[in-house]
Amino acid sequence: MTALVLMIPLAATSTAGAIRRLGGARWRWLHRLVYVTGVCAVLHYLWLAKKANPAPYYYAAAFIVLMAIRAWDWSRRASKSPLPGGERVG
């Protein structure tokens, strides 16, 4: 239910007009709820499944791999962005 409720503002703000009204930074912040929704969905599927069904574990593993790739990309971009004062990390 939490994942469904979190998807409502994402669906309501996915139009070009909503992005313009919210502004890019606020829209991106709001749409980061998709990560919370993904965690809720994976947990729900794991709790729903029986022990003999391996499918939820495959989905959980895929979600973890995708989030790890996303975290690696975020850290790579953060290390390339210049800090105040013109220095770079790394």
PDB file of N, CA and C in Angstrom:
ATOM      1  N   MET A   1       0.828  -1.195   0.000  1.00  0.00           N
ATOM      2  CA  MET A   1       0.000   0.000   0.000  1.00  0.00           C
ATOM      3  C   MET A   1       0.871   1.256   0.000  1.00  0.00           C
ATOM      4  N   THR A   2       1.982   1.190   0.717  1.00  0.00           N
ATOM      5  CA  THR A   2       2.891   2.341   0.762  1.00  0.00           C
ATOM      6  C   THR A   2       3.435   2.655  -0.620  1.00  0.00           C
ATOM      7  N   ALA A   3       3.835   1.623  -1.346  1.00  0.00           N
ATOM      8  CA  ALA A   3       4.368   1.836  -2.696  1.00  0.00           C
ATOM      9  C   ALA A   3       3.307   2.464  -3.599  1.00  0.00           C
ATOM     10  N   LEU A   4       2.083   1.998  -3.488  1.00  0.00           N
ATOM     11  CA  LEU A   4       1.011   2.559  -4.301  1.00  0.00           C
ATOM     12  C   LEU A   4       0.776   4.028  -3.964  1.00  0.00           C
ATOM     13  N   VAL A   5       0.735   4.347  -2.694  1.00  0.00           N
ATOM     14  CA  VAL A   5       0.516   5.734  -2.269  1.00  0.00           C
ATOM     15  C   VAL A   5       1.676   6.624  -2.731  1.00  0.00           C
ATOM     16  N   LEU A   6       2.892   6.110  -2.692  1.00  0.00           N
ATOM     17  CA  LEU A   6       4.045   6.898  -3.134  1.00  0.00           C
ATOM     18  C   LEU A   6       4.053   7.114  -4.644  1.00  0.00           C
ATOM     19  N   MET A   7       3.403   6.240  -5.384  1.00  0.00           N
ATOM     20  CA  MET A   7       3.363   6.391  -6.839  1.00  0.00           C
ATOM     21  C   MET A   7       2.368   7.456  -7.292  1.00  0.00           C
ATOM     22  N   ILE A   8       1.400   7.796  -6.454  1.00  0.00           N
ATOM     23  CA  ILE A   8       0.378   8.784  -6.843  1.00  0.00           C
ATOM     24  C   ILE A   8       0.992  10.147  -7.156  1.00  0.00           C
ATOM     25  N   PRO A   9       1.833  10.738  -6.273  1.00  0.00           N
ATOM     26  CA  PRO A   9       2.410  12.031  -6.644  1.00  0.00           C
ATOM     27  C   PRO A   9       3.358  11.934  -7.831  1.00  0.00           C
ATOM     28  N   LEU A  10       3.972  10.787  -8.024  1.00  0.00           N
ATOM     29  CA  LEU A  10       4.855  10.628  -9.179  1.00  0.00           C
ATOM     30  C   LEU A  10       4.049  10.652 -10.474  1.00  0.00           C
ATOM     31  N   ALA A  11       2.922   9.972 -10.477  1.00  0.00           N
ATOM     32  CA  ALA A  11       2.069   9.972 -11.664  1.00  0.00           C
ATOM     33  C   ALA A  11       1.462  11.350 -11.902  1.00  0.00           C
ATOM     34  N   ALA A  12       1.091  12.028 -10.839  1.00  0.00           N
ATOM     35  CA  ALA A  12       0.447  13.335 -10.977  1.00  0.00           C
ATOM     36  C   ALA A  12       1.416  14.406 -11.469  1.00  0.00           C
ATOM     37  N   THR A  13       2.716  14.220 -11.250  1.00  0.00           N
ATOM     38  CA  THR A  13       3.690  15.246 -11.636  1.00  0.00           C
ATOM     39  C   THR A  13       4.558  14.819 -12.806  1.00  0.00           C
ATOM     40  N   SER A  14       4.113  13.852 -13.583  1.00  0.00           N
ATOM     41  CA  SER A  14       4.912  13.377 -14.707  1.00  0.00           C
ATOM     42  C   SER A  14       4.623  14.096 -16.015  1.00  0.00           C
ATOM     43  N   THR A  15       3.810  15.112 -16.007  1.00  0.00           N
ATOM     44  CA  THR A  15       3.529  15.868 -17.226  1.00  0.00           C
ATOM     45  C   THR A  15       4.494  17.037 -17.346  1.00  0.00           C
ATOM     46  N   ALA A  16       4.632  17.553 -18.550  1.00  0.00           N
ATOM     47  CA  ALA A  16       5.527  18.690 -18.790  1.00  0.00           C
ATOM     48  C   ALA A  16       5.075  19.920 -17.987  1.00  0.00           C
ATOM     49  N   GLY A  17       3.761  20.127 -17.900  1.00  0.00           N
ATOM     50  CA  GLY A  17       3.237  21.261 -17.139  1.00  0.00           C
ATOM     51  C   GLY A  17       3.572  21.165 -15.659  1.00  0.00           C
ATOM     52  N   ALA A  18       3.469  19.973 -15.103  1.00  0.00           N
ATOM     53  CA  ALA A  18       3.787  19.777 -13.685  1.00  0.00           C
ATOM     54  C   ALA A  18       5.267  20.003 -13.429  1.00  0.00           C
ATOM     55  N   ILE A  19       6.099  19.554 -14.343  1.00  0.00           N
ATOM     56  CA  ILE A  19       7.547  19.771 -14.197  1.00  0.00           C
ATOM     57  C   ILE A  19       7.843  21.259 -14.224  1.00  0.00           C
ATOM     58  N   ARG A  20       7.203  21.983 -15.125  1.00  0.00           N
ATOM     59  CA  ARG A  20       7.411  23.427 -15.232  1.00  0.00           C
ATOM     60  C   ARG A  20       6.948  24.144 -13.968  1.00  0.00           C
ATOM     61  N   ARG A  21       5.783  23.747 -13.432  1.00  0.00           N
ATOM     62  CA  ARG A  21       5.261  24.392 -12.226  1.00  0.00           C
ATOM     63  C   ARG A  21       6.123  24.097 -11.001  1.00  0.00           C
ATOM     64  N   LEU A  22       6.584  22.863 -10.872  1.00  0.00           N
ATOM     65  CA  LEU A  22       7.401  22.494  -9.712  1.00  0.00           C
ATOM     66  C   LEU A  22       8.822  23.030  -9.809  1.00  0.00           C
ATOM     67  N   GLY A  23       9.316  23.149 -11.009  1.00  0.00           N
ATOM     68  CA  GLY A  23      10.720  23.489 -11.188  1.00  0.00           C
ATOM     69  C   GLY A  23      11.534  22.194 -11.219  1.00  0.00           C
ATOM     70  N   GLY A  24      12.616  22.206 -11.950  1.00  0.00           N
ATOM     71  CA  GLY A  24      13.402  20.993 -12.153  1.00  0.00           C
ATOM     72  C   GLY A  24      13.946  20.359 -10.885  1.00  0.00           C
ATOM     73  N   ALA A  25      14.476  21.182  -9.986  1.00  0.00           N
ATOM     74  CA  ALA A  25      15.088  20.634  -8.768  1.00  0.00           C
ATOM     75  C   ALA A  25      14.048  19.990  -7.860  1.00  0.00           C
ATOM     76  N   ARG A  26      12.920  20.648  -7.669  1.00  0.00           N
ATOM     77  CA  ARG A  26      11.866  20.061  -6.812  1.00  0.00           C
ATOM     78  C   ARG A  26      11.256  18.822  -7.445  1.00  0.00           C
ATOM     79  N   TRP A  27      11.126  18.843  -8.779  1.00  0.00           N
ATOM     80  CA  TRP A  27      10.576  17.684  -9.473  1.00  0.00           C
ATOM     81  C   TRP A  27      11.517  16.478  -9.324  1.00  0.00           C
ATOM     82  N   ARG A  28      12.826  16.704  -9.500  1.00  0.00           N
ATOM     83  CA  ARG A  28      13.796  15.605  -9.331  1.00  0.00           C
ATOM     84  C   ARG A  28      13.766  15.071  -7.900  1.00  0.00           C
ATOM     85  N   TRP A  29      13.674  15.969  -6.915  1.00  0.00           N
ATOM     86  CA  TRP A  29      13.615  15.534  -5.520  1.00  0.00           C
ATOM     87  C   TRP A  29      12.386  14.660  -5.283  1.00  0.00           C
ATOM     88  N   LEU A  30      11.249  15.103  -5.805  1.00  0.00           N
ATOM     89  CA  LEU A  30      10.018  14.338  -5.640  1.00  0.00           C
ATOM     90  C   LEU A  30      10.113  12.981  -6.331  1.00  0.00           C
ATOM     91  N   HIS A  31      10.694  12.934  -7.483  1.00  0.00           N
ATOM     92  CA  HIS A  31      10.744  11.692  -8.244  1.00  0.00           C
ATOM     93  C   HIS A  31      11.801  10.720  -7.729  1.00  0.00           C
ATOM     94  N   ARG A  32      12.540  11.118  -6.739  1.00  0.00           N
ATOM     95  CA  ARG A  32      13.424  10.163  -6.068  1.00  0.00           C
ATOM     96  C   ARG A  32      12.635   9.210  -5.173  1.00  0.00           C
ATOM     97  N   LEU A  33      11.349   9.481  -4.996  1.00  0.00           N
ATOM     98  CA  LEU A  33      10.477   8.551  -4.268  1.00  0.00           C
ATOM     99  C   LEU A  33      10.398   7.206  -4.969  1.00  0.00           C
ATOM    100  N   VAL A  34      10.760   7.165  -6.229  1.00  0.00           N
ATOM    101  CA  VAL A  34      10.708   5.906  -6.963  1.00  0.00           C
ATOM    102  C   VAL A  34      11.642   4.872  -6.338  1.00  0.00           C
ATOM    103  N   TYR A  35      12.732   5.308  -5.721  1.00  0.00           N
ATOM    104  CA  TYR A  35      13.647   4.369  -5.066  1.00  0.00           C
ATOM    105  C   TYR A  35      12.991   3.761  -3.826  1.00  0.00           C
ATOM    106  N   VAL A  36      12.299   4.579  -3.066  1.00  0.00           N
ATOM    107  CA  VAL A  36      11.573   4.079  -1.895  1.00  0.00           C
ATOM    108  C   VAL A  36      10.482   3.112  -2.347  1.00  0.00           C
ATOM    109  N   THR A  37       9.809   3.456  -3.432  1.00  0.00           N
ATOM    110  CA  THR A  37       8.772   2.590  -3.980  1.00  0.00           C
ATOM    111  C   THR A  37       9.357   1.251  -4.401  1.00  0.00           C
ATOM    112  N   GLY A  38      10.521   1.269  -5.022  1.00  0.00           N
ATOM    113  CA  GLY A  38      11.173   0.030  -5.426  1.00  0.00           C
ATOM    114  C   GLY A  38      11.512  -0.862  -4.245  1.00  0.00           C
ATOM    115  N   VAL A  39      12.017  -0.269  -3.174  1.00  0.00           N
ATOM    116  CA  VAL A  39      12.324  -1.039  -1.963  1.00  0.00           C
ATOM    117  C   VAL A  39      11.050  -1.637  -1.393  1.00  0.00           C
ATOM    118  N   CYS A  40       9.982  -0.844  -1.327  1.00  0.00           N
ATOM    119  CA  CYS A  40       8.703  -1.349  -0.810  1.00  0.00           C
ATOM    120  C   CYS A  40       8.181  -2.502  -1.660  1.00  0.00           C
ATOM    121  N   ALA A  41       8.294  -2.380  -2.972  1.00  0.00           N
ATOM    122  CA  ALA A  41       7.804  -3.433  -3.862  1.00  0.00           C
ATOM    123  C   ALA A  41       8.597  -4.726  -3.678  1.00  0.00           C
ATOM    124  N   VAL A  42       9.915  -4.616  -3.584  1.00  0.00           N
ATOM    125  CA  VAL A  42      10.744  -5.812  -3.387  1.00  0.00           C
ATOM    126  C   VAL A  42      10.435  -6.464  -2.042  1.00  0.00           C
ATOM    127  N   LEU A  43      10.324  -5.665  -0.991  1.00  0.00           N
ATOM    128  CA  LEU A  43       9.984  -6.223   0.321  1.00  0.00           C
ATOM    129  C   LEU A  43       8.623  -6.910   0.305  1.00  0.00           C
ATOM    130  N   HIS A  44       7.664  -6.292  -0.348  1.00  0.00           N
ATOM    131  CA  HIS A  44       6.321  -6.875  -0.438  1.00  0.00           C
ATOM    132  C   HIS A  44       6.373  -8.233  -1.139  1.00  0.00           C
ATOM    133  N   TYR A  45       7.114  -8.302  -2.241  1.00  0.00           N
ATOM    134  CA  TYR A  45       7.206  -9.552  -2.985  1.00  0.00           C
ATOM    135  C   TYR A  45       7.931 -10.626  -2.168  1.00  0.00           C
ATOM    136  N   LEU A  46       8.957 -10.216  -1.430  1.00  0.00           N
ATOM    137  CA  LEU A  46       9.664 -11.183  -0.579  1.00  0.00           C
ATOM    138  C   LEU A  46       8.763 -11.713   0.539  1.00  0.00           C
ATOM    139  N   TRP A  47       7.996 -10.828   1.158  1.00  0.00           N
ATOM    140  CA  TRP A  47       7.112 -11.236   2.246  1.00  0.00           C
ATOM    141  C   TRP A  47       5.949 -12.088   1.743  1.00  0.00           C
ATOM    142  N   LEU A  48       5.541 -11.861   0.505  1.00  0.00           N
ATOM    143  CA  LEU A  48       4.415 -12.572  -0.070  1.00  0.00           C
ATOM    144  C   LEU A  48       4.782 -13.991  -0.500  1.00  0.00           C
ATOM    145  N   ALA A  49       6.030 -14.185  -0.883  1.00  0.00           N
ATOM    146  CA  ALA A  49       6.447 -15.448  -1.498  1.00  0.00           C
ATOM    147  C   ALA A  49       6.605 -16.567  -0.474  1.00  0.00           C
ATOM    148  N   LYS A  50       6.454 -17.739  -0.970  1.00  0.00           N
ATOM    149  CA  LYS A  50       6.701 -18.935  -0.167  1.00  0.00           C
ATOM    150  C   LYS A  50       8.179 -19.275  -0.257  1.00  0.00           C
ATOM    151  N   LYS A  51       8.656 -20.101   0.641  1.00  0.00           N
ATOM    152  CA  LYS A  51      10.077 -20.439   0.679  1.00  0.00           C
ATOM    153  C   LYS A  51      10.555 -21.167  -0.571  1.00  0.00           C
ATOM    154  N   ALA A  52       9.706 -21.952  -1.194  1.00  0.00           N
ATOM    155  CA  ALA A  52      10.114 -22.740  -2.351  1.00  0.00           C
ATOM    156  C   ALA A  52      10.159 -21.928  -3.641  1.00  0.00           C
ATOM    157  N   ASN A  53       9.693 -20.693  -3.614  1.00  0.00           N
ATOM    158  CA  ASN A  53       9.648 -19.861  -4.811  1.00  0.00           C
ATOM    159  C   ASN A  53      10.877 -18.945  -4.847  1.00  0.00           C
ATOM    160  N   PRO A  54      11.816 -19.169  -5.772  1.00  0.00           N
ATOM    161  CA  PRO A  54      13.025 -18.351  -5.813  1.00  0.00           C
ATOM    162  C   PRO A  54      12.852 -17.021  -6.560  1.00  0.00           C
ATOM    163  N   ALA A  55      11.750 -16.827  -7.264  1.00  0.00           N
ATOM    164  CA  ALA A  55      11.567 -15.636  -8.095  1.00  0.00           C
ATOM    165  C   ALA A  55      11.739 -14.316  -7.329  1.00  0.00           C
ATOM    166  N   PRO A  56      11.190 -14.149  -6.125  1.00  0.00           N
ATOM    167  CA  PRO A  56      11.356 -12.868  -5.434  1.00  0.00           C
ATOM    168  C   PRO A  56      12.825 -12.551  -5.139  1.00  0.00           C
ATOM    169  N   TYR A  57      13.606 -13.580  -4.934  1.00  0.00           N
ATOM    170  CA  TYR A  57      15.024 -13.364  -4.661  1.00  0.00           C
ATOM    171  C   TYR A  57      15.751 -12.897  -5.917  1.00  0.00           C
ATOM    172  N   TYR A  58      15.326 -13.364  -7.078  1.00  0.00           N
ATOM    173  CA  TYR A  58      15.906 -12.884  -8.332  1.00  0.00           C
ATOM    174  C   TYR A  58      15.580 -11.410  -8.539  1.00  0.00           C
ATOM    175  N   TYR A  59      14.335 -11.047  -8.258  1.00  0.00           N
ATOM    176  CA  TYR A  59      13.944  -9.640  -8.383  1.00  0.00           C
ATOM    177  C   TYR A  59      14.695  -8.769  -7.372  1.00  0.00           C
ATOM    178  N   ALA A  60      14.834  -9.254  -6.168  1.00  0.00           N
ATOM    179  CA  ALA A  60      15.571  -8.499  -5.148  1.00  0.00           C
ATOM    180  C   ALA A  60      17.036  -8.341  -5.561  1.00  0.00           C
ATOM    181  N   ALA A  61      17.627  -9.401  -6.089  1.00  0.00           N
ATOM    182  CA  ALA A  61      19.020  -9.327  -6.538  1.00  0.00           C
ATOM    183  C   ALA A  61      19.169  -8.342  -7.699  1.00  0.00           C
ATOM    184  N   ALA A  62      18.222  -8.381  -8.637  1.00  0.00           N
ATOM    185  CA  ALA A  62      18.269  -7.446  -9.761  1.00  0.00           C
ATOM    186  C   ALA A  62      18.132  -6.009  -9.271  1.00  0.00           C
ATOM    187  N   PHE A  63      17.239  -5.779  -8.321  1.00  0.00           N
ATOM    188  CA  PHE A  63      17.061  -4.431  -7.769  1.00  0.00           C
ATOM    189  C   PHE A  63      18.333  -3.963  -7.068  1.00  0.00           C
ATOM    190  N   ILE A  64      18.962  -4.844  -6.303  1.00  0.00           N
ATOM    191  CA  ILE A  64      20.197  -4.482  -5.597  1.00  0.00           C
ATOM    192  C   ILE A  64      21.302  -4.162  -6.592  1.00  0.00           C
ATOM    193  N   VAL A  65      21.419  -4.959  -7.651  1.00  0.00           N
ATOM    194  CA  VAL A  65      22.446  -4.695  -8.667  1.00  0.00           C
ATOM    195  C   VAL A  65      22.190  -3.353  -9.342  1.00  0.00           C
ATOM    196  N   LEU A  66      20.947  -3.088  -9.709  1.00  0.00           N
ATOM    197  CA  LEU A  66      20.630  -1.816 -10.361  1.00  0.00           C
ATOM    198  C   LEU A  66      20.869  -0.626  -9.441  1.00  0.00           C
ATOM    199  N   MET A  67      20.542  -0.755  -8.171  1.00  0.00           N
ATOM    200  CA  MET A  67      20.793   0.336  -7.228  1.00  0.00           C
ATOM    201  C   MET A  67      22.292   0.525  -6.982  1.00  0.00           C
ATOM    202  N   ALA A  68      23.049  -0.568  -7.003  1.00  0.00           N
ATOM    203  CA  ALA A  68      24.507  -0.455  -6.854  1.00  0.00           C
ATOM    204  C   ALA A  68      25.114   0.270  -8.052  1.00  0.00           C
ATOM    205  N   ILE A  69      24.625  -0.033  -9.251  1.00  0.00           N
ATOM    206  CA  ILE A  69      25.094   0.676 -10.448  1.00  0.00           C
ATOM    207  C   ILE A  69      24.749   2.154 -10.349  1.00  0.00           C
ATOM    208  N   ARG A  70      23.537   2.438  -9.890  1.00  0.00           N
ATOM    209  CA  ARG A  70      23.103   3.835  -9.739  1.00  0.00           C
ATOM    210  C   ARG A  70      23.961   4.571  -8.707  1.00  0.00           C
ATOM    211  N   ALA A  71      24.259   3.922  -7.579  1.00  0.00           N
ATOM    212  CA  ALA A  71      25.104   4.534  -6.546  1.00  0.00           C
ATOM    213  C   ALA A  71      26.513   4.768  -7.067  1.00  0.00           C
ATOM    214  N   TRP A  72      27.030   3.815  -7.824  1.00  0.00           N
ATOM    215  CA  TRP A  72      28.369   3.982  -8.401  1.00  0.00           C
ATOM    216  C   TRP A  72      28.381   5.173  -9.351  1.00  0.00           C
ATOM    217  N   ASP A  73      27.337   5.308 -10.179  1.00  0.00           N
ATOM    218  CA  ASP A  73      27.253   6.424 -11.118  1.00  0.00           C
ATOM    219  C   ASP A  73      27.157   7.759 -10.380  1.00  0.00           C
ATOM    220  N   TRP A  74      26.342   7.795  -9.307  1.00  0.00           N
ATOM    221  CA  TRP A  74      26.245   9.027  -8.515  1.00  0.00           C
ATOM    222  C   TRP A  74      27.595   9.409  -7.928  1.00  0.00           C
ATOM    223  N   SER A  75      28.308   8.435  -7.371  1.00  0.00           N
ATOM    224  CA  SER A  75      29.607   8.750  -6.762  1.00  0.00           C
ATOM    225  C   SER A  75      30.615   9.165  -7.822  1.00  0.00           C
ATOM    226  N   ARG A  76      30.561   8.562  -8.997  1.00  0.00           N
ATOM    227  CA  ARG A  76      31.467   8.939 -10.084  1.00  0.00           C
ATOM    228  C   ARG A  76      31.206  10.371 -10.527  1.00  0.00           C
ATOM    229  N   ARG A  77      29.944  10.730 -10.680  1.00  0.00           N
ATOM    230  CA  ARG A  77      29.607  12.102 -11.065  1.00  0.00           C
ATOM    231  C   ARG A  77      29.980  13.101  -9.978  1.00  0.00           C
ATOM    232  N   ALA A  78      29.781  12.735  -8.723  1.00  0.00           N
ATOM    233  CA  ALA A  78      30.110  13.640  -7.617  1.00  0.00           C
ATOM    234  C   ALA A  78      31.610  13.886  -7.539  1.00  0.00           C
ATOM    235  N   SER A  79      32.401  12.886  -7.853  1.00  0.00           N
ATOM    236  CA  SER A  79      33.847  13.062  -7.787  1.00  0.00           C
ATOM    237  C   SER A  79      34.368  13.903  -8.947  1.00  0.00           C
ATOM    238  N   LYS A  80      33.625  13.977 -10.041  1.00  0.00           N
ATOM    239  CA  LYS A  80      34.041  14.793 -11.183  1.00  0.00           C
ATOM    240  C   LYS A  80      33.601  16.241 -11.072  1.00  0.00           C
ATOM    241  N   SER A  81      32.587  16.511 -10.253  1.00  0.00           N
ATOM    242  CA  SER A  81      32.112  17.881 -10.144  1.00  0.00           C
ATOM    243  C   SER A  81      33.094  18.712  -9.326  1.00  0.00           C
ATOM    244  N   PRO A  82      33.387  19.903  -9.795  1.00  0.00           N
ATOM    245  CA  PRO A  82      34.351  20.739  -9.071  1.00  0.00           C
ATOM    246  C   PRO A  82      33.783  21.231  -7.744  1.00  0.00           C
ATOM    247  N   LEU A  83      34.625  21.244  -6.754  1.00  0.00           N
ATOM    248  CA  LEU A  83      34.241  21.760  -5.446  1.00  0.00           C
ATOM    249  C   LEU A  83      34.401  23.270  -5.438  1.00  0.00           C
ATOM    250  N   PRO A  84      33.782  23.953  -4.489  1.00  0.00           N
ATOM    251  CA  PRO A  84      34.020  25.394  -4.362  1.00  0.00           C
ATOM    252  C   PRO A  84      35.502  25.625  -4.139  1.00  0.00           C
ATOM    253  N   GLY A  85      36.087  26.491  -4.910  1.00  0.00           N
ATOM    254  CA  GLY A  85      37.521  26.730  -4.817  1.00  0.00           C
ATOM    255  C   GLY A  85      38.268  26.091  -5.986  1.00  0.00           C
ATOM    256  N   GLY A  86      37.572  25.366  -6.853  1.00  0.00           N
ATOM    257  CA  GLY A  86      38.163  24.828  -8.063  1.00  0.00           C
ATOM    258  C   GLY A  86      38.867  23.489  -7.896  1.00  0.00           C
ATOM    259  N   GLU A  87      38.846  22.901  -6.707  1.00  0.00           N
ATOM    260  CA  GLU A  87      39.529  21.614  -6.506  1.00  0.00           C
ATOM    261  C   GLU A  87      38.587  20.472  -6.861  1.00  0.00           C
ATOM    262  N   ARG A  88      39.198  19.326  -7.164  1.00  0.00           N
ATOM    263  CA  ARG A  88      38.399  18.140  -7.466  1.00  0.00           C
ATOM    264  C   ARG A  88      38.736  17.055  -6.453  1.00  0.00           C
ATOM    265  N   VAL A  89      37.749  16.218  -6.188  1.00  0.00           N
ATOM    266  CA  VAL A  89      37.958  15.094  -5.285  1.00  0.00           C
ATOM    267  C   VAL A  89      38.509  13.933  -6.083  1.00  0.00           C
ATOM    268  N   GLY A  90      39.462  13.213  -5.513  1.00  0.00           N
ATOM    269  CA  GLY A  90      39.940  12.009  -6.164  1.00  0.00           C
ATOM    270  C   GLY A  90      41.213  12.206  -6.795  1.00  0.00           C
TER     271      GLY A  90
END
